[in-house]
Structures are given as C-alpha cells and as structure tokens.
Amino acid sequence: MAPIFLLLFIQEDILLRGISLLVFLIAALTDYFDGYYARKYGIETDFGIFLDPLADKFLTFAGFVCLPFLDPSQFPWWAVALIVLRDITITGLRIYANRKGIIMQTRIMAKAKTAIQMGFLYVALLFGFFILFDGWLGETVRNIFDLNIFFWAMMAVVAITVYSGIEYLVVNRDLFQKGQDR
C-alpha cells in the first residue's frame, strides 16, 4: 500500500491526497492488527517476524519521501535521506546479526525514535493535506509553514534518528569484529 499512498499523496489534489491519507491509515492499522493477532494467538512465523518491520519501514519511508514534495525548505531531501539511511543500516545490521544467530534487542531509544517519527509524520502529512484547502484552514497551515516550525521539528527528528542509529552501532560494535562471536 506504500507505493499507492506515495503516488496519491504527491498529487496537488485534495481528493487524491485525502484518499492517500486513508490508504496510509488503513496500511498502518492493518499492520498493527496483523502483529497484534499474530502475537495474541501465537501464530508468528520467522518470515512474518522478518517481514513485519520491513513493511513498517516501507510505509514510513513513503511518508517521509512525500514531505519534500510539500515544501523542500521545511523537509529537506538530505534529512529524509539520513532517516532512510539510518533505518536501512540498522535493518542490515539486524539481518547480519540474525545470520550469526544473534538476536538484537530493540533499544529503548529506537522505540522512542519510532514513536517520535510516527507522531511527526502523521502531523506533517495532515498539514500537507490541510494546506490544499482554501480559506482560513489553508491560510493557517501556510502561516505555520512560514514560521519554520516543521523545519525545526524535522531537525529534531533527524537528530533523534541519527543518535539512535549511532547507539545501535556502538552497543553492537562487536558484531563487526572479525572472528569474534558474541
């Protein structure tokens, strides 16, 4: 659903952007309930455990990739690239650790990073929808964009994201040492 969301969101049409947010919401909700019921009824599979976070990443990446289309001065491409690079790096590290028989526990900072990213993303995408409206709503959103609030919020999200990635690398640095098992 991530590519459909992305394609619809970057359109400058209220209806299509509104539908894109509905697609995003449905994707997020079905992902949540899929994981919830798999854990609740003990029907998790190794493939599902691997694929679920990957699907989350694609949806999150699609959301962040949409943001520079709204306003690249508020949501710079380099910032999106750092977020995506961090997640790809840590996912690659998890796959590498898994092949070595090591389970990397999710760090508390990584959980906080995810919550902060998702909160920011939902607000930014909603504002990206509201900016298309005429009248006071669209004008208010444009005024908020002019204050650079989203730029500074994006910088905070990038800082937290990069920090959590560095934390993973430092805590798991022994994975990179040749010939040494954990």
C-alpha atoms as a PDB file:
ATOM      1  CA  MET A   1       0.000   0.000   0.000  1.00  0.00           C
ATOM      2  CA  ALA A   2       3.009   2.294   0.466  1.00  0.00           C
ATOM      3  CA  PRO A   3       3.518   2.985  -3.272  1.00  0.00           C
ATOM      4  CA  ILE A   4      -0.200   3.743  -3.709  1.00  0.00           C
ATOM      5  CA  PHE A   5      -0.074   6.143  -0.766  1.00  0.00           C
ATOM      6  CA  LEU A   6       3.038   7.842  -2.150  1.00  0.00           C
ATOM      7  CA  LEU A   7       1.642   8.223  -5.654  1.00  0.00           C
ATOM      8  CA  LEU A   8      -1.643   9.673  -4.395  1.00  0.00           C
ATOM      9  CA  PHE A   9      -0.120  11.986  -1.785  1.00  0.00           C
ATOM     10  CA  ILE A  10       2.236  13.840  -4.116  1.00  0.00           C
ATOM     11  CA  GLN A  11      -0.716  14.951  -6.244  1.00  0.00           C
ATOM     12  CA  GLU A  12      -1.867  18.532  -5.748  1.00  0.00           C
ATOM     13  CA  ASP A  13      -5.488  17.402  -5.500  1.00  0.00           C
ATOM     14  CA  ILE A  14      -7.485  17.499  -2.254  1.00  0.00           C
ATOM     15  CA  LEU A  15      -9.454  14.337  -3.037  1.00  0.00           C
ATOM     16  CA  LEU A  16      -6.392  12.283  -4.040  1.00  0.00           C
ATOM     17  CA  ARG A  17      -4.363  13.496  -1.081  1.00  0.00           C
ATOM     18  CA  GLY A  18      -7.281  12.715   1.223  1.00  0.00           C
ATOM     19  CA  ILE A  19      -7.544   9.209  -0.234  1.00  0.00           C
ATOM     20  CA  SER A  20      -3.783   8.807   0.245  1.00  0.00           C
ATOM     21  CA  LEU A  21      -4.143   9.541   3.954  1.00  0.00           C
ATOM     22  CA  LEU A  22      -6.915   6.959   4.156  1.00  0.00           C
ATOM     23  CA  VAL A  23      -4.640   4.415   2.419  1.00  0.00           C
ATOM     24  CA  PHE A  24      -1.854   5.288   4.884  1.00  0.00           C
ATOM     25  CA  LEU A  25      -4.209   4.857   7.842  1.00  0.00           C
ATOM     26  CA  ILE A  26      -5.531   1.523   6.566  1.00  0.00           C
ATOM     27  CA  ALA A  27      -1.980   0.265   5.976  1.00  0.00           C
ATOM     28  CA  ALA A  28      -0.895   1.315   9.470  1.00  0.00           C
ATOM     29  CA  LEU A  29      -3.976  -0.174  11.146  1.00  0.00           C
ATOM     30  CA  THR A  30      -3.855  -3.485   9.282  1.00  0.00           C
ATOM     31  CA  ASP A  31      -0.151  -3.758  10.088  1.00  0.00           C
ATOM     32  CA  TYR A  32      -0.860  -3.136  13.768  1.00  0.00           C
ATOM     33  CA  PHE A  33      -3.719  -5.650  13.985  1.00  0.00           C
ATOM     34  CA  ASP A  34      -1.807  -8.250  11.982  1.00  0.00           C
ATOM     35  CA  GLY A  35       1.030  -8.152  14.509  1.00  0.00           C
ATOM     36  CA  TYR A  36      -1.318  -7.974  17.483  1.00  0.00           C
ATOM     37  CA  TYR A  37      -3.308 -11.049  16.485  1.00  0.00           C
ATOM     38  CA  ALA A  38      -0.216 -12.993  15.450  1.00  0.00           C
ATOM     39  CA  ARG A  39       1.264 -12.451  18.920  1.00  0.00           C
ATOM     40  CA  LYS A  40      -2.033 -12.961  20.756  1.00  0.00           C
ATOM     41  CA  TYR A  41      -2.761 -16.316  19.121  1.00  0.00           C
ATOM     42  CA  GLY A  42       0.856 -17.459  18.863  1.00  0.00           C
ATOM     43  CA  ILE A  43       0.816 -17.689  15.081  1.00  0.00           C
ATOM     44  CA  GLU A  44       4.013 -15.750  14.479  1.00  0.00           C
ATOM     45  CA  THR A  45       6.395 -17.089  11.867  1.00  0.00           C
ATOM     46  CA  ASP A  46      10.057 -16.287  11.294  1.00  0.00           C
ATOM     47  CA  PHE A  47       9.083 -14.894   7.899  1.00  0.00           C
ATOM     48  CA  GLY A  48       6.416 -12.671   9.487  1.00  0.00           C
ATOM     49  CA  ILE A  49       8.793 -11.511  12.204  1.00  0.00           C
ATOM     50  CA  PHE A  50      11.247 -10.506   9.457  1.00  0.00           C
ATOM     51  CA  LEU A  51       8.688  -9.060   7.048  1.00  0.00           C
ATOM     52  CA  ASP A  52       6.598  -7.015   9.519  1.00  0.00           C
ATOM     53  CA  PRO A  53       9.278  -4.449  10.388  1.00  0.00           C
ATOM     54  CA  LEU A  54      10.248  -4.286   6.721  1.00  0.00           C
ATOM     55  CA  ALA A  55       6.672  -3.405   5.744  1.00  0.00           C
ATOM     56  CA  ASP A  56       6.657  -0.772   8.507  1.00  0.00           C
ATOM     57  CA  LYS A  57       9.828   0.719   7.060  1.00  0.00           C
ATOM     58  CA  PHE A  58       8.393   0.919   3.539  1.00  0.00           C
ATOM     59  CA  LEU A  59       5.327   2.761   4.811  1.00  0.00           C
ATOM     60  CA  THR A  60       7.433   5.094   6.942  1.00  0.00           C
ATOM     61  CA  PHE A  61       9.865   5.714   4.070  1.00  0.00           C
ATOM     62  CA  ALA A  62       6.942   6.521   1.756  1.00  0.00           C
ATOM     63  CA  GLY A  63       5.631   9.028   4.304  1.00  0.00           C
ATOM     64  CA  PHE A  64       8.989  10.749   4.688  1.00  0.00           C
ATOM     65  CA  VAL A  65       9.607  10.790   0.927  1.00  0.00           C
ATOM     66  CA  CYS A  66       6.313  12.680   0.484  1.00  0.00           C
ATOM     67  CA  LEU A  67       7.355  15.515   2.768  1.00  0.00           C
ATOM     68  CA  PRO A  68       9.859  17.325   0.492  1.00  0.00           C
ATOM     69  CA  PHE A  69       7.129  17.448  -2.159  1.00  0.00           C
ATOM     70  CA  LEU A  70       5.151  19.618   0.264  1.00  0.00           C
ATOM     71  CA  ASP A  71       7.990  22.057   0.909  1.00  0.00           C
ATOM     72  CA  PRO A  72      11.666  21.126   0.465  1.00  0.00           C
ATOM     73  CA  SER A  73      12.716  24.062   2.649  1.00  0.00           C
ATOM     74  CA  GLN A  74      10.757  22.590   5.571  1.00  0.00           C
ATOM     75  CA  PHE A  75      11.534  18.957   4.794  1.00  0.00           C
ATOM     76  CA  PRO A  76      14.947  18.828   3.065  1.00  0.00           C
ATOM     77  CA  TRP A  77      15.805  15.781   0.985  1.00  0.00           C
ATOM     78  CA  TRP A  78      19.095  15.324   2.852  1.00  0.00           C
ATOM     79  CA  ALA A  79      17.143  14.967   6.114  1.00  0.00           C
ATOM     80  CA  VAL A  80      14.880  12.322   4.590  1.00  0.00           C
ATOM     81  CA  ALA A  81      17.972  10.557   3.241  1.00  0.00           C
ATOM     82  CA  LEU A  82      19.544  10.437   6.727  1.00  0.00           C
ATOM     83  CA  ILE A  83      16.372   8.917   8.196  1.00  0.00           C
ATOM     84  CA  VAL A  84      16.168   6.300   5.445  1.00  0.00           C
ATOM     85  CA  LEU A  85      19.920   5.568   5.619  1.00  0.00           C
ATOM     86  CA  ARG A  86      19.771   5.019   9.393  1.00  0.00           C
ATOM     87  CA  ASP A  87      16.884   2.579   9.076  1.00  0.00           C
ATOM     88  CA  ILE A  88      18.474   0.682   6.195  1.00  0.00           C
ATOM     89  CA  THR A  89      21.770   0.458   8.100  1.00  0.00           C
ATOM     90  CA  ILE A  90      20.182  -0.855  11.285  1.00  0.00           C
ATOM     91  CA  THR A  91      17.955  -3.268   9.339  1.00  0.00           C
ATOM     92  CA  GLY A  92      21.050  -4.561   7.558  1.00  0.00           C
ATOM     93  CA  LEU A  93      22.808  -4.933  10.911  1.00  0.00           C
ATOM     94  CA  ARG A  94      19.832  -6.900  12.254  1.00  0.00           C
ATOM     95  CA  ILE A  95      19.899  -9.233   9.249  1.00  0.00           C
ATOM     96  CA  TYR A  96      23.659  -9.727   9.668  1.00  0.00           C
ATOM     97  CA  ALA A  97      23.270 -10.424  13.403  1.00  0.00           C
ATOM     98  CA  ASN A  98      20.405 -12.820  12.713  1.00  0.00           C
ATOM     99  CA  ARG A  99      22.610 -14.781  10.291  1.00  0.00           C
ATOM    100  CA  LYS A 100      25.207 -15.058  13.048  1.00  0.00           C
ATOM    101  CA  GLY A 101      22.488 -16.383  15.374  1.00  0.00           C
ATOM    102  CA  ILE A 102      22.368 -13.188  17.419  1.00  0.00           C
ATOM    103  CA  ILE A 103      19.092 -11.520  18.277  1.00  0.00           C
ATOM    104  CA  MET A 104      19.458  -7.751  18.520  1.00  0.00           C
ATOM    105  CA  GLN A 105      17.067  -6.417  21.107  1.00  0.00           C
ATOM    106  CA  THR A 106      15.231  -3.255  20.190  1.00  0.00           C
ATOM    107  CA  ARG A 107      16.753  -0.365  22.110  1.00  0.00           C
ATOM    108  CA  ILE A 108      14.545   1.920  24.205  1.00  0.00           C
ATOM    109  CA  MET A 109      15.849   4.890  22.213  1.00  0.00           C
ATOM    110  CA  ALA A 110      14.841   3.140  18.978  1.00  0.00           C
ATOM    111  CA  LYS A 111      11.299   2.671  20.315  1.00  0.00           C
ATOM    112  CA  ALA A 112      11.187   6.357  21.277  1.00  0.00           C
ATOM    113  CA  LYS A 113      12.572   7.247  17.828  1.00  0.00           C
ATOM    114  CA  THR A 114       9.806   5.284  16.141  1.00  0.00           C
ATOM    115  CA  ALA A 115       7.084   6.931  18.233  1.00  0.00           C
ATOM    116  CA  ILE A 116       8.527  10.403  17.595  1.00  0.00           C
ATOM    117  CA  GLN A 117       8.913   9.716  13.861  1.00  0.00           C
ATOM    118  CA  MET A 118       5.352   8.438  13.559  1.00  0.00           C
ATOM    119  CA  GLY A 119       3.855  11.321  15.545  1.00  0.00           C
ATOM    120  CA  PHE A 120       5.775  13.841  13.470  1.00  0.00           C
ATOM    121  CA  LEU A 121       4.903  12.070  10.237  1.00  0.00           C
ATOM    122  CA  TYR A 122       1.167  11.945  10.966  1.00  0.00           C
ATOM    123  CA  VAL A 123       1.070  15.644  11.875  1.00  0.00           C
ATOM    124  CA  ALA A 124       3.165  16.674   8.852  1.00  0.00           C
ATOM    125  CA  LEU A 125       1.060  14.588   6.450  1.00  0.00           C
ATOM    126  CA  LEU A 126      -2.169  16.015   7.876  1.00  0.00           C
ATOM    127  CA  PHE A 127      -0.821  19.534   7.476  1.00  0.00           C
ATOM    128  CA  GLY A 128       0.185  18.579   3.938  1.00  0.00           C
ATOM    129  CA  PHE A 129      -3.451  17.730   3.306  1.00  0.00           C
ATOM    130  CA  PHE A 130      -4.841  20.839   5.020  1.00  0.00           C
ATOM    131  CA  ILE A 131      -2.531  23.157   3.077  1.00  0.00           C
ATOM    132  CA  LEU A 132      -4.561  22.409  -0.053  1.00  0.00           C
ATOM    133  CA  PHE A 133      -7.717  23.877   1.480  1.00  0.00           C
ATOM    134  CA  ASP A 134      -8.923  27.354   0.652  1.00  0.00           C
ATOM    135  CA  GLY A 135      -9.899  29.772   3.370  1.00  0.00           C
ATOM    136  CA  TRP A 136      -8.710  30.049   6.941  1.00  0.00           C
ATOM    137  CA  LEU A 137      -7.539  26.421   7.268  1.00  0.00           C
ATOM    138  CA  GLY A 138      -5.182  26.521   4.301  1.00  0.00           C
ATOM    139  CA  GLU A 139      -4.022  30.011   5.238  1.00  0.00           C
ATOM    140  CA  THR A 140      -3.312  28.957   8.820  1.00  0.00           C
ATOM    141  CA  VAL A 141      -1.262  25.985   7.646  1.00  0.00           C
ATOM    142  CA  ARG A 142       0.687  28.172   5.205  1.00  0.00           C
ATOM    143  CA  ASN A 143       1.400  30.611   8.061  1.00  0.00           C
ATOM    144  CA  ILE A 144       2.639  27.749  10.246  1.00  0.00           C
ATOM    145  CA  PHE A 145       4.927  26.635   7.411  1.00  0.00           C
ATOM    146  CA  ASP A 146       6.254  30.197   7.163  1.00  0.00           C
ATOM    147  CA  LEU A 147       7.317  30.026  10.831  1.00  0.00           C
ATOM    148  CA  ASN A 148       9.684  27.112  10.016  1.00  0.00           C
ATOM    149  CA  ILE A 149       8.204  25.038  12.838  1.00  0.00           C
ATOM    150  CA  PHE A 150       8.233  21.954  10.651  1.00  0.00           C
ATOM    151  CA  PHE A 151      11.858  22.522   9.655  1.00  0.00           C
ATOM    152  CA  TRP A 152      12.992  22.591  13.291  1.00  0.00           C
ATOM    153  CA  ALA A 153      10.782  19.633  14.164  1.00  0.00           C
ATOM    154  CA  MET A 154      12.303  17.748  11.225  1.00  0.00           C
ATOM    155  CA  MET A 155      15.794  18.586  12.501  1.00  0.00           C
ATOM    156  CA  ALA A 156      14.855  17.192  15.931  1.00  0.00           C
ATOM    157  CA  VAL A 157      13.508  14.003  14.320  1.00  0.00           C
ATOM    158  CA  VAL A 158      16.713  13.634  12.286  1.00  0.00           C
ATOM    159  CA  ALA A 159      18.885  14.181  15.383  1.00  0.00           C
ATOM    160  CA  ILE A 160      16.975  11.568  17.396  1.00  0.00           C
ATOM    161  CA  THR A 161      17.016   9.153  14.453  1.00  0.00           C
ATOM    162  CA  VAL A 162      20.764   9.504  13.860  1.00  0.00           C
ATOM    163  CA  TYR A 163      21.501   9.271  17.593  1.00  0.00           C
ATOM    164  CA  SER A 164      19.506   6.044  17.921  1.00  0.00           C
ATOM    165  CA  GLY A 165      21.387   4.601  14.937  1.00  0.00           C
ATOM    166  CA  ILE A 166      24.753   5.510  16.448  1.00  0.00           C
ATOM    167  CA  GLU A 167      23.630   3.947  19.725  1.00  0.00           C
ATOM    168  CA  TYR A 168      22.852   0.670  17.937  1.00  0.00           C
ATOM    169  CA  LEU A 169      26.248   0.710  16.224  1.00  0.00           C
ATOM    170  CA  VAL A 170      28.131   1.401  19.468  1.00  0.00           C
ATOM    171  CA  VAL A 171      26.225  -1.164  21.536  1.00  0.00           C
ATOM    172  CA  ASN A 172      26.643  -3.816  18.820  1.00  0.00           C
ATOM    173  CA  ARG A 173      30.168  -2.903  17.691  1.00  0.00           C
ATOM    174  CA  ASP A 174      31.451  -6.393  18.469  1.00  0.00           C
ATOM    175  CA  LEU A 175      29.367  -7.707  15.556  1.00  0.00           C
ATOM    176  CA  PHE A 176      31.870  -6.034  13.247  1.00  0.00           C
ATOM    177  CA  GLN A 177      34.973  -7.571  14.795  1.00  0.00           C
ATOM    178  CA  LYS A 178      36.290 -10.443  12.686  1.00  0.00           C
ATOM    179  CA  GLY A 179      36.459 -13.864  14.211  1.00  0.00           C
ATOM    180  CA  GLN A 180      34.792 -12.816  17.426  1.00  0.00           C
ATOM    181  CA  ASP A 181      31.436 -14.237  18.403  1.00  0.00           C
ATOM    182  CA  ARG A 182      29.197 -12.639  20.928  1.00  0.00           C
END
